Protein backbone atom coordinates (compact mmCIF):
# COMPACT_ATOMS: atom_id res chain seq x y z
CA UNK A 1 21.83 -26.62 -92.65
CA UNK A 2 19.32 -24.72 -95.18
CA UNK A 3 18.16 -22.44 -92.30
CA UNK A 4 21.69 -21.37 -91.19
CA UNK A 5 22.22 -20.25 -95.11
CA UNK A 6 19.17 -18.21 -95.27
CA UNK A 7 19.77 -16.42 -92.22
CA UNK A 8 23.25 -15.73 -93.29
CA UNK A 9 21.96 -14.31 -96.72
CA UNK A 10 19.42 -12.12 -95.04
CA UNK A 11 21.95 -10.79 -92.74
CA UNK A 12 24.39 -10.04 -95.50
CA UNK A 13 21.78 -8.15 -97.33
CA UNK A 14 20.84 -6.37 -94.12
CA UNK A 15 24.22 -5.49 -93.29
CA UNK A 16 25.23 -4.21 -97.12
CA UNK A 17 21.96 -2.08 -96.69
CA UNK A 18 23.15 -0.65 -93.75
CA UNK A 19 26.47 0.25 -94.51
CA UNK A 20 25.34 1.69 -98.09
CA UNK A 21 22.75 3.58 -96.53
CA UNK A 22 25.14 4.95 -94.01
CA UNK A 23 27.40 5.96 -96.54
CA UNK A 24 24.53 7.74 -98.29
CA UNK A 25 23.98 9.83 -95.36
CA UNK A 26 27.67 10.88 -95.16
CA UNK A 27 28.12 11.75 -98.86
CA UNK A 28 25.03 12.17 -100.43
CA UNK A 29 25.83 10.48 -103.43
CA UNK A 30 22.48 9.59 -104.75
CA UNK A 31 23.07 5.97 -106.52
CA UNK A 32 24.16 4.76 -102.85
CA UNK A 33 20.45 5.46 -101.85
CA UNK A 34 19.14 3.69 -104.66
CA UNK A 35 21.62 0.48 -103.97
CA UNK A 36 20.79 0.70 -100.36
CA UNK A 37 17.17 0.63 -101.08
CA UNK A 38 17.80 -2.38 -103.27
CA UNK A 39 19.63 -4.36 -100.71
CA UNK A 40 16.96 -3.55 -98.01
CA UNK A 41 14.48 -4.87 -100.57
CA UNK A 42 16.86 -8.10 -100.82
CA UNK A 43 16.63 -8.41 -97.29
CA UNK A 44 12.87 -8.42 -97.25
CA UNK A 45 13.09 -10.91 -100.06
CA UNK A 46 15.30 -13.17 -97.97
CA UNK A 47 12.91 -12.84 -95.00
CA UNK A 48 9.80 -13.99 -97.08
CA UNK A 49 12.05 -16.82 -98.50
CA UNK A 50 12.90 -18.10 -94.80
CA UNK A 51 8.98 -17.82 -94.04
CA UNK A 52 8.42 -19.64 -97.09
CA UNK A 53 10.72 -22.50 -97.09
CA UNK A 54 10.96 -23.03 -93.24
CA UNK A 55 7.86 -21.68 -91.30
CA UNK A 56 5.03 -22.51 -93.94
CA UNK A 57 6.48 -25.06 -96.18
CA UNK A 58 3.06 -25.96 -97.31
CA UNK A 59 2.23 -22.54 -98.53
CA UNK A 60 3.38 -21.11 -101.58
CA UNK A 61 4.85 -17.75 -101.38
CA UNK A 62 7.00 -17.65 -104.59
CA UNK A 63 4.82 -14.90 -106.04
CA UNK A 64 5.26 -12.46 -103.01
CA UNK A 65 9.08 -13.32 -103.07
CA UNK A 66 9.27 -12.41 -106.96
CA UNK A 67 7.21 -9.23 -106.18
CA UNK A 68 9.61 -8.33 -103.05
CA UNK A 69 12.58 -8.74 -105.60
CA UNK A 70 11.26 -7.00 -108.29
CA UNK A 71 10.35 -4.18 -105.62
CA UNK A 72 14.11 -4.65 -104.37
CA UNK A 73 15.27 -3.87 -108.01
CA UNK A 74 13.07 -0.94 -109.40
CA UNK A 75 14.71 1.70 -107.26
CA UNK A 76 18.24 0.37 -108.46
CA UNK A 77 17.08 0.37 -111.74
CA UNK A 78 15.77 3.82 -111.46
CA UNK A 79 18.73 5.22 -110.29
CA UNK A 80 20.72 3.62 -112.95
CA UNK A 81 18.71 5.00 -115.66
CA UNK A 82 17.13 8.23 -114.65
CA UNK A 83 19.59 9.76 -112.17
CA UNK A 84 22.27 12.36 -113.95
CA UNK A 85 25.14 13.15 -112.44
């Protein structure tokens, strides 16, 4: 059951990233770019979570997961703070 939930979370983040980035390419609204990059990073974070919990349960990848989450949120934080429009 956990594998299904992890996979659905990853697929949801990937779908959001694809839809938001596609919308950015059509409208060129910069906040959509930062949001799409954030969701792409969250997708990577979910992939690392699946590897950590399901494929390598004896290995602790929590540091890598946290770094991926930080890397996912930094573009959105940049876009919210420093972009002016």
